[in-house]
C-alpha atoms as a PDB file:
ATOM      1  CA  MET A   1      25.808 265.115  66.736  1.00  0.00           C
ATOM      2  CA  ALA A   2      28.617 267.229  65.284  1.00  0.00           C
ATOM      3  CA  ALA A   3      30.937 265.746  67.912  1.00  0.00           C
ATOM      4  CA  ASP A   4      29.905 262.235  66.824  1.00  0.00           C
ATOM      5  CA  THR A   5      30.548 263.118  63.195  1.00  0.00           C
ATOM      6  CA  ASN A   6      34.038 264.338  64.019  1.00  0.00           C
ATOM      7  CA  GLU A   7      34.769 261.261  66.129  1.00  0.00           C
ATOM      8  CA  ILE A   8      33.554 258.890  63.421  1.00  0.00           C
ATOM      9  CA  SER A   9      35.545 260.708  60.749  1.00  0.00           C
ATOM     10  CA  GLN A  10      38.690 260.496  62.859  1.00  0.00           C
ATOM     11  CA  ILE A  11      38.245 256.749  63.457  1.00  0.00           C
ATOM     12  CA  LEU A  12      37.656 255.980  59.799  1.00  0.00           C
ATOM     13  CA  ASP A  13      40.574 258.151  58.745  1.00  0.00           C
ATOM     14  CA  THR A  14      43.106 256.519  61.083  1.00  0.00           C
ATOM     15  CA  TYR A  15      42.352 252.918  60.070  1.00  0.00           C
ATOM     16  CA  HIS A  16      43.829 251.149  57.065  1.00  0.00           C
ATOM     17  CA  VAL A  17      41.438 250.510  54.179  1.00  0.00           C
ATOM     18  CA  ASN A  18      41.833 246.733  54.555  1.00  0.00           C
ATOM     19  CA  ALA A  19      40.842 246.916  58.224  1.00  0.00           C
ATOM     20  CA  LEU A  20      37.796 249.026  57.375  1.00  0.00           C
ATOM     21  CA  LEU A  21      36.838 246.527  54.687  1.00  0.00           C
ATOM     22  CA  GLY A  22      37.047 243.682  57.226  1.00  0.00           C
ATOM     23  CA  MET A  23      34.839 245.596  59.677  1.00  0.00           C
ATOM     24  CA  ALA A  24      32.262 246.387  56.986  1.00  0.00           C
ATOM     25  CA  LYS A  25      32.104 242.775  55.824  1.00  0.00           C
ATOM     26  CA  ALA A  26      31.820 241.433  59.386  1.00  0.00           C
ATOM     27  CA  ALA A  27      28.895 243.800  59.964  1.00  0.00           C
ATOM     28  CA  GLY A  28      27.233 242.749  56.705  1.00  0.00           C
ATOM     29  CA  LEU A  29      27.219 246.245  55.241  1.00  0.00           C
ATOM     30  CA  PRO A  30      26.344 246.470  51.533  1.00  0.00           C
ATOM     31  CA  LEU A  31      29.462 247.081  49.436  1.00  0.00           C
ATOM     32  CA  PRO A  32      29.604 247.841  45.719  1.00  0.00           C
ATOM     33  CA  GLY A  33      31.260 245.309  43.387  1.00  0.00           C
ATOM     34  CA  LYS A  34      34.086 242.940  44.276  1.00  0.00           C
ATOM     35  CA  GLY A  35      37.576 243.507  45.611  1.00  0.00           C
ATOM     36  CA  VAL A  36      38.598 246.483  47.705  1.00  0.00           C
ATOM     37  CA  PRO A  37      36.437 249.524  47.047  1.00  0.00           C
ATOM     38  CA  PRO A  38      37.971 253.007  47.244  1.00  0.00           C
ATOM     39  CA  LYS A  39      38.400 254.186  50.813  1.00  0.00           C
ATOM     40  CA  ALA A  40      36.075 257.110  50.168  1.00  0.00           C
ATOM     41  CA  VAL A  41      33.281 254.652  49.358  1.00  0.00           C
ATOM     42  CA  LEU A  42      33.995 252.622  52.525  1.00  0.00           C
ATOM     43  CA  VAL A  43      34.050 255.745  54.663  1.00  0.00           C
ATOM     44  CA  ALA A  44      30.742 256.955  53.254  1.00  0.00           C
ATOM     45  CA  THR A  45      29.080 253.554  53.769  1.00  0.00           C
ATOM     46  CA  MET A  46      30.409 253.095  57.306  1.00  0.00           C
ATOM     47  CA  SER A  47      29.629 256.675  58.317  1.00  0.00           C
ATOM     48  CA  ALA A  48      25.990 256.053  57.413  1.00  0.00           C
ATOM     49  CA  SER A  49      25.480 252.483  58.680  1.00  0.00           C
ATOM     50  CA  PHE A  50      28.287 251.318  60.981  1.00  0.00           C
ATOM     51  CA  PHE A  51      27.757 253.458  64.078  1.00  0.00           C
ATOM     52  CA  THR A  52      24.090 252.611  64.633  1.00  0.00           C
ATOM     53  CA  ARG A  53      22.252 250.862  67.457  1.00  0.00           C
ATOM     54  CA  GLN A  54      21.252 247.995  65.167  1.00  0.00           C
ATOM     55  CA  ARG A  55      24.813 247.345  64.045  1.00  0.00           C
ATOM     56  CA  VAL A  56      26.365 247.670  67.534  1.00  0.00           C
ATOM     57  CA  GLU A  57      23.823 245.343  69.142  1.00  0.00           C
ATOM     58  CA  ALA A  58      24.247 242.791  66.348  1.00  0.00           C
ATOM     59  CA  SER A  59      28.048 242.872  66.742  1.00  0.00           C
ATOM     60  CA  LEU A  60      27.766 242.513  70.506  1.00  0.00           C
ATOM     61  CA  ALA A  61      25.682 239.375  70.013  1.00  0.00           C
ATOM     62  CA  ARG A  62      28.420 237.823  67.850  1.00  0.00           C
ATOM     63  CA  ILE A  63      31.363 238.078  70.249  1.00  0.00           C
ATOM     64  CA  GLY A  64      32.413 235.435  72.768  1.00  0.00           C
ATOM     65  CA  ARG A  65      32.515 235.388  76.546  1.00  0.00           C
ATOM     66  CA  SER A  66      36.128 236.524  76.865  1.00  0.00           C
ATOM     67  CA  GLU A  67      35.556 239.423  74.487  1.00  0.00           C
ATOM     68  CA  ARG A  68      32.482 240.501  76.455  1.00  0.00           C
ATOM     69  CA  ALA A  69      34.325 240.317  79.769  1.00  0.00           C
ATOM     70  CA  ILE A  70      37.291 242.359  78.543  1.00  0.00           C
ATOM     71  CA  LEU A  71      34.978 244.886  76.902  1.00  0.00           C
ATOM     72  CA  ALA A  72      33.160 245.259  80.232  1.00  0.00           C
ATOM     73  CA  ARG A  73      36.423 245.847  82.084  1.00  0.00           C
ATOM     74  CA  LEU A  74      37.408 248.499  79.563  1.00  0.00           C
ATOM     75  CA  LEU A  75      34.046 250.227  80.058  1.00  0.00           C
ATOM     76  CA  LEU A  76      34.510 250.083  83.826  1.00  0.00           C
ATOM     77  CA  ARG A  77      37.750 251.988  83.317  1.00  0.00           C
ATOM     78  CA  GLY A  78      35.815 254.787  81.699  1.00  0.00           C
ATOM     79  CA  GLY A  79      36.031 253.446  78.158  1.00  0.00           C
ATOM     80  CA  SER A  80      39.778 253.789  77.584  1.00  0.00           C
ATOM     81  CA  ALA A  81      42.979 252.255  78.929  1.00  0.00           C
ATOM     82  CA  PRO A  82      46.615 251.703  77.955  1.00  0.00           C
ATOM     83  CA  THR A  83      46.846 248.461  76.010  1.00  0.00           C
ATOM     84  CA  ARG A  84      49.502 246.876  78.208  1.00  0.00           C
ATOM     85  CA  SER A  85      47.617 247.790  81.369  1.00  0.00           C
ATOM     86  CA  LEU A  86      44.399 246.190  80.160  1.00  0.00           C
ATOM     87  CA  GLU A  87      46.364 243.152  78.994  1.00  0.00           C
ATOM     88  CA  ARG A  88      47.835 242.654  82.470  1.00  0.00           C
ATOM     89  CA  GLU A  89      44.358 242.891  84.004  1.00  0.00           C
ATOM     90  CA  ALA A  90      42.874 240.437  81.499  1.00  0.00           C
ATOM     91  CA  VAL A  91      45.701 237.935  81.952  1.00  0.00           C
ATOM     92  CA  ALA A  92      45.507 238.189  85.751  1.00  0.00           C
ATOM     93  CA  ALA A  93      41.746 237.557  85.564  1.00  0.00           C
ATOM     94  CA  LYS A  94      42.393 234.542  83.277  1.00  0.00           C
ATOM     95  CA  LEU A  95      40.321 236.113  80.510  1.00  0.00           C
ATOM     96  CA  ALA A  96      43.248 236.027  78.086  1.00  0.00           C
ATOM     97  CA  THR A  97      46.794 234.747  77.771  1.00  0.00           C
ATOM     98  CA  ARG A  98      49.925 236.770  77.236  1.00  0.00           C
ATOM     99  CA  ALA A  99      51.272 236.566  73.707  1.00  0.00           C
ATOM    100  CA  ASP A 100      55.020 236.002  73.561  1.00  0.00           C
ATOM    101  CA  PRO A 101      57.022 237.586  70.715  1.00  0.00           C
ATOM    102  CA  PRO A 102      57.869 235.196  67.875  1.00  0.00           C
ATOM    103  CA  GLU A 103      61.063 233.238  68.513  1.00  0.00           C
ATOM    104  CA  SER A 104      62.393 233.929  65.040  1.00  0.00           C
ATOM    105  CA  LYS A 105      61.676 236.337  62.254  1.00  0.00           C
ATOM    106  CA  ARG A 106      59.365 235.109  59.552  1.00  0.00           C
ATOM    107  CA  SER A 107      58.296 236.556  56.253  1.00  0.00           C
ATOM    108  CA  TYR A 108      54.952 238.318  56.264  1.00  0.00           C
ATOM    109  CA  ASN A 109      52.485 238.701  53.477  1.00  0.00           C
ATOM    110  CA  MET A 110      51.647 242.340  52.918  1.00  0.00           C
ATOM    111  CA  ALA A 111      48.197 241.640  54.373  1.00  0.00           C
ATOM    112  CA  ASP A 112      49.820 240.433  57.627  1.00  0.00           C
ATOM    113  CA  TYR A 113      52.483 243.094  57.958  1.00  0.00           C
ATOM    114  CA  VAL A 114      51.896 245.594  60.769  1.00  0.00           C
ATOM    115  CA  PRO A 115      54.608 248.264  60.763  1.00  0.00           C
ATOM    116  CA  TYR A 116      53.940 249.379  64.343  1.00  0.00           C
ATOM    117  CA  ALA A 117      54.278 245.822  65.704  1.00  0.00           C
ATOM    118  CA  VAL A 118      57.570 244.646  64.204  1.00  0.00           C
ATOM    119  CA  GLY A 119      59.066 241.927  66.393  1.00  0.00           C
ATOM    120  CA  GLU A 120      55.831 241.487  68.346  1.00  0.00           C
ATOM    121  CA  TYR A 121      53.131 238.863  68.244  1.00  0.00           C
ATOM    122  CA  VAL A 122      50.692 240.348  65.725  1.00  0.00           C
ATOM    123  CA  GLY A 123      47.053 240.096  66.725  1.00  0.00           C
ATOM    124  CA  SER A 124      44.623 238.752  64.139  1.00  0.00           C
ATOM    125  CA  PRO A 125      40.821 238.511  64.336  1.00  0.00           C
ATOM    126  CA  TYR A 126      40.888 235.365  62.228  1.00  0.00           C
ATOM    127  CA  ARG A 127      42.562 233.008  64.709  1.00  0.00           C
ATOM    128  CA  ASP A 128      39.378 231.367  65.905  1.00  0.00           C
ATOM    129  CA  GLY A 129      39.522 230.251  69.500  1.00  0.00           C
ATOM    130  CA  SER A 130      42.807 232.020  70.278  1.00  0.00           C
ATOM    131  CA  ARG A 131      42.912 233.422  73.804  1.00  0.00           C
ATOM    132  CA  ALA A 132      45.996 235.556  73.152  1.00  0.00           C
ATOM    133  CA  PHE A 133      45.180 239.104  74.210  1.00  0.00           C
ATOM    134  CA  PRO A 134      46.135 240.741  70.863  1.00  0.00           C
ATOM    135  CA  ASP A 135      43.862 238.294  69.027  1.00  0.00           C
ATOM    136  CA  ILE A 136      40.933 239.018  71.337  1.00  0.00           C
ATOM    137  CA  MET A 137      41.359 242.754  70.877  1.00  0.00           C
ATOM    138  CA  ALA A 138      41.672 242.259  67.121  1.00  0.00           C
ATOM    139  CA  ARG A 139      38.305 240.466  67.148  1.00  0.00           C
ATOM    140  CA  LEU A 140      36.745 243.314  69.117  1.00  0.00           C
ATOM    141  CA  ALA A 141      38.125 245.738  66.537  1.00  0.00           C
ATOM    142  CA  LEU A 142      36.811 243.613  63.671  1.00  0.00           C
ATOM    143  CA  HIS A 143      33.346 243.837  65.195  1.00  0.00           C
ATOM    144  CA  GLY A 144      33.685 247.592  65.672  1.00  0.00           C
ATOM    145  CA  LEU A 145      33.318 247.584  69.445  1.00  0.00           C
ATOM    146  CA  VAL A 146      36.814 248.549  70.586  1.00  0.00           C
ATOM    147  CA  PHE A 147      39.255 250.699  68.647  1.00  0.00           C
ATOM    148  CA  SER A 148      42.841 251.692  69.300  1.00  0.00           C
ATOM    149  CA  ARG A 149      45.020 254.726  68.822  1.00  0.00           C
ATOM    150  CA  PHE A 150      48.603 255.888  69.160  1.00  0.00           C
ATOM    151  CA  THR A 151      49.535 257.971  72.170  1.00  0.00           C
ATOM    152  CA  GLY A 152      52.749 259.366  70.723  1.00  0.00           C
ATOM    153  CA  ASP A 153      54.804 259.652  67.562  1.00  0.00           C
ATOM    154  CA  SER A 154      56.635 256.631  66.205  1.00  0.00           C
ATOM    155  CA  ASP A 155      60.401 256.503  66.521  1.00  0.00           C
ATOM    156  CA  ASP A 156      61.000 257.699  62.961  1.00  0.00           C
ATOM    157  CA  GLY A 157      58.237 260.311  63.003  1.00  0.00           C
ATOM    158  CA  GLN A 158      55.918 258.310  60.762  1.00  0.00           C
ATOM    159  CA  THR A 159      52.250 257.832  61.570  1.00  0.00           C
ATOM    160  CA  PHE A 160      50.930 254.457  60.433  1.00  0.00           C
ATOM    161  CA  LYS A 161      47.396 253.535  59.546  1.00  0.00           C
ATOM    162  CA  LEU A 162      45.872 251.325  62.203  1.00  0.00           C
ATOM    163  CA  GLN A 163      45.108 247.684  61.622  1.00  0.00           C
ATOM    164  CA  PHE A 164      43.404 245.083  63.817  1.00  0.00           C
ATOM    165  CA  HIS A 165      46.489 244.652  65.996  1.00  0.00           C
ATOM    166  CA  PRO A 166      46.008 247.020  68.964  1.00  0.00           C
ATOM    167  CA  ALA A 167      48.096 250.171  69.224  1.00  0.00           C
ATOM    168  CA  ASP A 168      49.172 251.928  72.443  1.00  0.00           C
ATOM    169  CA  GLU A 169      45.700 252.709  73.810  1.00  0.00           C
ATOM    170  CA  LEU A 170      42.342 250.965  73.569  1.00  0.00           C
ATOM    171  CA  TYR A 171      39.042 252.812  73.724  1.00  0.00           C
ATOM    172  CA  VAL A 172      35.327 252.571  73.072  1.00  0.00           C
ATOM    173  CA  PRO A 173      34.159 255.669  71.159  1.00  0.00           C
ATOM    174  CA  GLU A 174      31.042 257.437  72.352  1.00  0.00           C
ATOM    175  CA  ALA A 175      29.381 256.652  69.016  1.00  0.00           C
ATOM    176  CA  VAL A 176      29.520 252.971  70.036  1.00  0.00           C
ATOM    177  CA  ARG A 177      29.369 253.209  73.812  1.00  0.00           C
ATOM    178  CA  ARG A 178      25.910 254.813  73.917  1.00  0.00           C
ATOM    179  CA  TYR A 179      24.413 251.587  72.539  1.00  0.00           C
ATOM    180  CA  LEU A 180      26.207 249.210  74.914  1.00  0.00           C
ATOM    181  CA  PRO A 181      24.652 248.018  78.175  1.00  0.00           C
ATOM    182  CA  GLU A 182      26.166 249.282  81.408  1.00  0.00           C
ATOM    183  CA  PRO A 183      28.808 246.818  82.634  1.00  0.00           C
ATOM    184  CA  GLU A 184      28.293 245.078  85.928  1.00  0.00           C
ATOM    185  CA  PRO A 185      30.955 245.734  88.573  1.00  0.00           C
ATOM    186  CA  VAL A 186      33.671 243.115  88.731  1.00  0.00           C
ATOM    187  CA  GLN A 187      33.260 240.859  91.731  1.00  0.00           C
ATOM    188  CA  GLU A 188      36.621 241.059  93.447  1.00  0.00           C
ATOM    189  CA  VAL A 189      37.675 237.788  95.031  1.00  0.00           C
ATOM    190  CA  ALA A 190      38.697 238.281  98.632  1.00  0.00           C
ATOM    191  CA  PHE A 191      42.415 237.685  99.043  1.00  0.00           C
ATOM    192  CA  ALA A 192      43.108 234.462 100.872  1.00  0.00           C
ATOM    193  CA  PRO A 193      46.805 233.835 101.575  1.00  0.00           C
ATOM    194  CA  PRO A 194      48.043 230.267 101.339  1.00  0.00           C
ATOM    195  CA  THR A 195      48.329 228.361 104.560  1.00  0.00           C
ATOM    196  CA  MET A 196      51.422 229.488 106.387  1.00  0.00           C
ATOM    197  CA  ARG A 197      53.269 227.200 108.748  1.00  0.00           C
ATOM    198  CA  GLU A 198      56.485 227.578 110.634  1.00  0.00           C
ATOM    199  CA  GLY A 199      59.304 225.530 109.183  1.00  0.00           C
ATOM    200  CA  ASP A 200      60.932 222.845 111.309  1.00  0.00           C
ATOM    201  CA  PRO A 201      64.631 223.662 111.697  1.00  0.00           C
ATOM    202  CA  ASP A 202      65.543 220.302 113.223  1.00  0.00           C
ATOM    203  CA  PRO A 203      66.123 218.371 109.967  1.00  0.00           C
ATOM    204  CA  LEU A 204      68.481 221.040 108.650  1.00  0.00           C
ATOM    205  CA  LEU A 205      70.503 221.303 111.857  1.00  0.00           C
ATOM    206  CA  ARG A 206      70.641 217.529 112.320  1.00  0.00           C
ATOM    207  CA  ASP A 207      71.729 216.980 108.715  1.00  0.00           C
ATOM    208  CA  LEU A 208      74.438 219.610 109.157  1.00  0.00           C
ATOM    209  CA  TYR A 209      75.695 217.654 112.154  1.00  0.00           C
ATOM    210  CA  LEU A 210      75.477 214.300 110.351  1.00  0.00           C
ATOM    211  CA  TYR A 211      77.415 215.686 107.376  1.00  0.00           C
ATOM    212  CA  TRP A 212      80.044 217.220 109.719  1.00  0.00           C
ATOM    213  CA  ASP A 213      80.313 213.958 111.675  1.00  0.00           C
ATOM    214  CA  PHE A 214      80.808 211.969 108.451  1.00  0.00           C
ATOM    215  CA  VAL A 215      83.685 214.291 107.487  1.00  0.00           C
ATOM    216  CA  ARG A 216      85.123 213.837 110.995  1.00  0.00           C
ATOM    217  CA  ARG A 217      85.089 210.063 110.693  1.00  0.00           C
ATOM    218  CA  ASN A 218      85.803 209.506 106.988  1.00  0.00           C
ATOM    219  CA  PRO A 219      87.997 210.815 104.187  1.00  0.00           C
ATOM    220  CA  VAL A 220      85.963 212.931 101.734  1.00  0.00           C
ATOM    221  CA  PRO A 221      87.860 213.345  98.449  1.00  0.00           C
ATOM    222  CA  ILE A 222      87.681 216.580  96.423  1.00  0.00           C
ATOM    223  CA  ILE A 223      88.004 215.994  92.673  1.00  0.00           C
ATOM    224  CA  LYS A 224      89.826 218.269  90.202  1.00  0.00           C
ATOM    225  CA  SER A 225      86.689 220.355  89.551  1.00  0.00           C
ATOM    226  CA  GLY A 226      86.671 221.390  93.213  1.00  0.00           C
ATOM    227  CA  TYR A 227      83.586 219.366  94.139  1.00  0.00           C
ATOM    228  CA  VAL A 228      83.083 216.404  96.467  1.00  0.00           C
ATOM    229  CA  SER A 229      83.388 213.052  94.692  1.00  0.00           C
ATOM    230  CA  LYS A 230      80.139 211.327  93.847  1.00  0.00           C
ATOM    231  CA  ARG A 231      81.073 208.183  95.767  1.00  0.00           C
ATOM    232  CA  ALA A 232      81.473 210.240  98.929  1.00  0.00           C
ATOM    233  CA  LEU A 233      78.213 212.066  98.194  1.00  0.00           C
ATOM    234  CA  ARG A 234      76.345 208.741  98.014  1.00  0.00           C
ATOM    235  CA  ALA A 235      77.763 207.722 101.372  1.00  0.00           C
ATOM    236  CA  ILE A 236      76.909 211.080 102.958  1.00  0.00           C
ATOM    237  CA  ASN A 237      73.410 211.041 101.469  1.00  0.00           C
ATOM    238  CA  GLN A 238      72.706 207.718 103.163  1.00  0.00           C
ATOM    239  CA  GLN A 239      73.416 209.278 106.553  1.00  0.00           C
ATOM    240  CA  LEU A 240      71.054 212.249 106.205  1.00  0.00           C
ATOM    241  CA  LEU A 241      67.608 212.479 107.745  1.00  0.00           C
ATOM    242  CA  VAL A 242      66.442 214.186 104.547  1.00  0.00           C
ATOM    243  CA  PRO A 243      68.422 212.673 101.658  1.00  0.00           C
ATOM    244  CA  ASP A 244      68.942 214.769  98.545  1.00  0.00           C
ATOM    245  CA  PRO A 245      66.654 213.330  95.804  1.00  0.00           C
ATOM    246  CA  ALA A 246      68.585 215.274  93.151  1.00  0.00           C
ATOM    247  CA  LEU A 247      71.639 213.068  93.633  1.00  0.00           C
ATOM    248  CA  ASN A 248      70.217 210.171  91.633  1.00  0.00           C
ATOM    249  CA  GLY A 249      70.081 212.152  88.401  1.00  0.00           C
ATOM    250  CA  ALA A 250      73.037 214.434  89.124  1.00  0.00           C
ATOM    251  CA  GLY A 251      76.296 214.246  87.235  1.00  0.00           C
ATOM    252  CA  GLY A 252      78.138 215.559  90.280  1.00  0.00           C
ATOM    253  CA  GLU A 253      77.863 217.696  93.397  1.00  0.00           C
ATOM    254  CA  LYS A 254      77.242 220.843  91.331  1.00  0.00           C
ATOM    255  CA  GLU A 255      73.909 219.415  90.158  1.00  0.00           C
ATOM    256  CA  THR A 256      72.711 218.467  93.643  1.00  0.00           C
ATOM    257  CA  LYS A 257      70.634 220.744  95.848  1.00  0.00           C
ATOM    258  CA  ARG A 258      70.597 219.837  99.540  1.00  0.00           C
ATOM    259  CA  LEU A 259      74.026 218.182  99.551  1.00  0.00           C
ATOM    260  CA  LEU A 260      75.710 221.197  97.996  1.00  0.00           C
ATOM    261  CA  LEU A 261      73.854 223.538 100.343  1.00  0.00           C
ATOM    262  CA  LEU A 262      74.892 221.558 103.427  1.00  0.00           C
ATOM    263  CA  ARG A 263      78.532 221.495 102.400  1.00  0.00           C
ATOM    264  CA  ARG A 264      78.609 225.208 101.627  1.00  0.00           C
ATOM    265  CA  LEU A 265      76.859 226.054 104.896  1.00  0.00           C
ATOM    266  CA  LEU A 266      79.388 223.969 106.831  1.00  0.00           C
ATOM    267  CA  GLN A 267      82.186 225.837 105.103  1.00  0.00           C
ATOM    268  CA  GLY A 268      80.500 229.186 105.751  1.00  0.00           C
ATOM    269  CA  LEU A 269      80.151 228.278 109.430  1.00  0.00           C
ATOM    270  CA  LYS A 270      83.885 227.416 109.513  1.00  0.00           C
ATOM    271  CA  LEU A 271      83.091 223.838 110.515  1.00  0.00           C
ATOM    272  CA  VAL A 272      84.763 222.215 107.492  1.00  0.00           C
ATOM    273  CA  GLN A 273      87.343 223.378 104.999  1.00  0.00           C
ATOM    274  CA  ALA A 274      88.335 222.187 101.549  1.00  0.00           C
ATOM    275  CA  THR A 275      91.861 221.654 100.350  1.00  0.00           C
ATOM    276  CA  TRP A 276      92.838 220.839  96.778  1.00  0.00           C
ATOM    277  CA  ASP A 277      92.110 217.132  97.280  1.00  0.00           C
ATOM    278  CA  GLU A 278      90.040 216.653 100.438  1.00  0.00           C
ATOM    279  CA  LEU A 279      87.207 218.057 102.522  1.00  0.00           C
ATOM    280  CA  GLY A 280      88.230 218.052 106.182  1.00  0.00           C
ATOM    281  CA  LEU A 281      87.398 219.558 109.535  1.00  0.00           C
ATOM    282  CA  ALA A 282      88.264 223.148 110.271  1.00  0.00           C
ATOM    283  CA  CYS A 283      89.360 222.077 113.769  1.00  0.00           C
ATOM    284  CA  GLY A 284      90.915 218.981 115.247  1.00  0.00           C
ATOM    285  CA  ALA A 285      89.048 215.670 115.101  1.00  0.00           C
ATOM    286  CA  LEU A 286      88.809 215.541 118.890  1.00  0.00           C
ATOM    287  CA  GLU A 287      87.553 219.114 119.286  1.00  0.00           C
ATOM    288  CA  ILE A 288      83.855 219.973 119.427  1.00  0.00           C
ATOM    289  CA  PRO A 289      83.234 223.332 117.747  1.00  0.00           C
ATOM    290  CA  GLU A 290      81.384 225.945 119.772  1.00  0.00           C
ATOM    291  CA  PHE A 291      78.589 225.970 117.147  1.00  0.00           C
ATOM    292  CA  TRP A 292      77.232 222.610 118.332  1.00  0.00           C
ATOM    293  CA  ASP A 293      76.860 223.921 121.908  1.00  0.00           C
ATOM    294  CA  LEU A 294      74.887 227.028 120.893  1.00  0.00           C
ATOM    295  CA  PRO A 295      71.123 227.310 121.539  1.00  0.00           C
ATOM    296  CA  GLN A 296      69.049 226.417 118.511  1.00  0.00           C
ATOM    297  CA  GLU A 297      68.073 230.059 117.900  1.00  0.00           C
ATOM    298  CA  ARG A 298      71.709 231.117 117.634  1.00  0.00           C
ATOM    299  CA  GLN A 299      72.535 228.131 115.433  1.00  0.00           C
ATOM    300  CA  LEU A 300      69.768 229.131 113.057  1.00  0.00           C
ATOM    301  CA  ALA A 301      70.886 232.765 113.052  1.00  0.00           C
ATOM    302  CA  ALA A 302      74.414 231.639 112.161  1.00  0.00           C
ATOM    303  CA  CYS A 303      73.069 229.434 109.367  1.00  0.00           C
ATOM    304  CA  VAL A 304      71.069 232.299 107.895  1.00  0.00           C
ATOM    305  CA  ALA A 305      74.087 234.609 108.083  1.00  0.00           C
ATOM    306  CA  ALA A 306      76.236 231.997 106.299  1.00  0.00           C
ATOM    307  CA  TRP A 307      73.492 231.362 103.739  1.00  0.00           C
ATOM    308  CA  ARG A 308      73.301 235.056 102.879  1.00  0.00           C
ATOM    309  CA  GLN A 309      77.010 235.000 101.989  1.00  0.00           C
ATOM    310  CA  LEU A 310      76.660 232.201  99.437  1.00  0.00           C
ATOM    311  CA  GLY A 311      77.554 233.287  95.913  1.00  0.00           C
ATOM    312  CA  GLU A 312      74.357 231.812  94.491  1.00  0.00           C
ATOM    313  CA  LEU A 313      70.875 231.414  95.903  1.00  0.00           C
ATOM    314  CA  HIS A 314      70.344 227.993  97.462  1.00  0.00           C
ATOM    315  CA  GLU A 315      66.977 227.359  99.073  1.00  0.00           C
ATOM    316  CA  LEU A 316      66.963 226.488 102.745  1.00  0.00           C
ATOM    317  CA  GLU A 317      63.845 224.467 101.869  1.00  0.00           C
ATOM    318  CA  GLU A 318      62.492 223.310  98.500  1.00  0.00           C
ATOM    319  CA  ASP A 319      59.274 225.305  98.965  1.00  0.00           C
ATOM    320  CA  ALA A 320      61.250 228.557  99.027  1.00  0.00           C
ATOM    321  CA  SER A 321      61.667 228.490  95.239  1.00  0.00           C
ATOM    322  CA  ALA A 322      58.026 229.539  94.884  1.00  0.00           C
ATOM    323  CA  CYS A 323      58.883 232.820  96.602  1.00  0.00           C
ATOM    324  CA  GLU A 324      61.706 233.834  94.288  1.00  0.00           C
ATOM    325  CA  PRO A 325      61.128 237.105  92.398  1.00  0.00           C
ATOM    326  CA  THR A 326      60.393 236.914  88.675  1.00  0.00           C
ATOM    327  CA  TYR A 327      62.550 239.724  87.371  1.00  0.00           C
ATOM    328  CA  ALA A 328      61.390 239.396  83.742  1.00  0.00           C
ATOM    329  CA  LYS A 329      57.846 240.323  84.769  1.00  0.00           C
ATOM    330  CA  ALA A 330      58.861 243.219  86.991  1.00  0.00           C
ATOM    331  CA  ARG A 331      59.041 245.480  83.947  1.00  0.00           C
ATOM    332  CA  ASP A 332      55.283 245.055  83.459  1.00  0.00           C
ATOM    333  CA  LEU A 333      54.467 246.669  86.804  1.00  0.00           C
END
């Protein structure tokens, strides 16, 4: 029991008096008088009555489904985990949502100010119904089921008193854990990849030919910006097997998708070339470039090679955008 006493003393010492007061009130502990009692009084009251089976079971009965599920996952990790790691797991399991930092600075009341979370979304146990991860963890702290702690010194060497907003690491102290039921193992959903199908290269190759043939038969003006004129784009789009739907709302070629890709591929394949005022053939009008006589496999290989040289990523098919990497989230891994 000496170990429990030391653990309880450490918890109560590291938390701010206002956070301890919130925990005591949520648990219905008897408190003397009104206002904020001295911290020594709170510590004595909570040491005697807060870390008991009756209190823990009552608090467990008050929390919601998401809180229970995240608490169970923390217990399955051995009772402690880095805050960001548990957040990623909870968000991936759709038990919580990621909380984005505030878009602009706002003034805080002293009761809301959390010095170790400046610039972050500050978790609060009083946002009823919020599924933001910091709010869920703040509710678990309010009910005295999950606590947090710092894993290193702050940048300026100061050590702050903890509030409901979670610090670097989350944990369930042994003085609480002994009264919690054993968590059930998480049922992992078997990975099922989406249906994969081989793309049909014919529309791309045929539209490349139709675009090239239009340039062979018609003048295609280049405007001062260096792009194909919109009138010519409309005419080309009418010839394609797969017209570019982006053209209708586009202000010019730069805002199209398939049309710009086709033109840039044709240039990369040395089938057309652009001068300062016109898009024309790279060879004579009566010549048939070797590319059109190649087997389909070699045509596709040439297209991919040309595509890889484009200055910007242009999808060979619209569905490819779903496979692009999300660099902003890579830092969370």
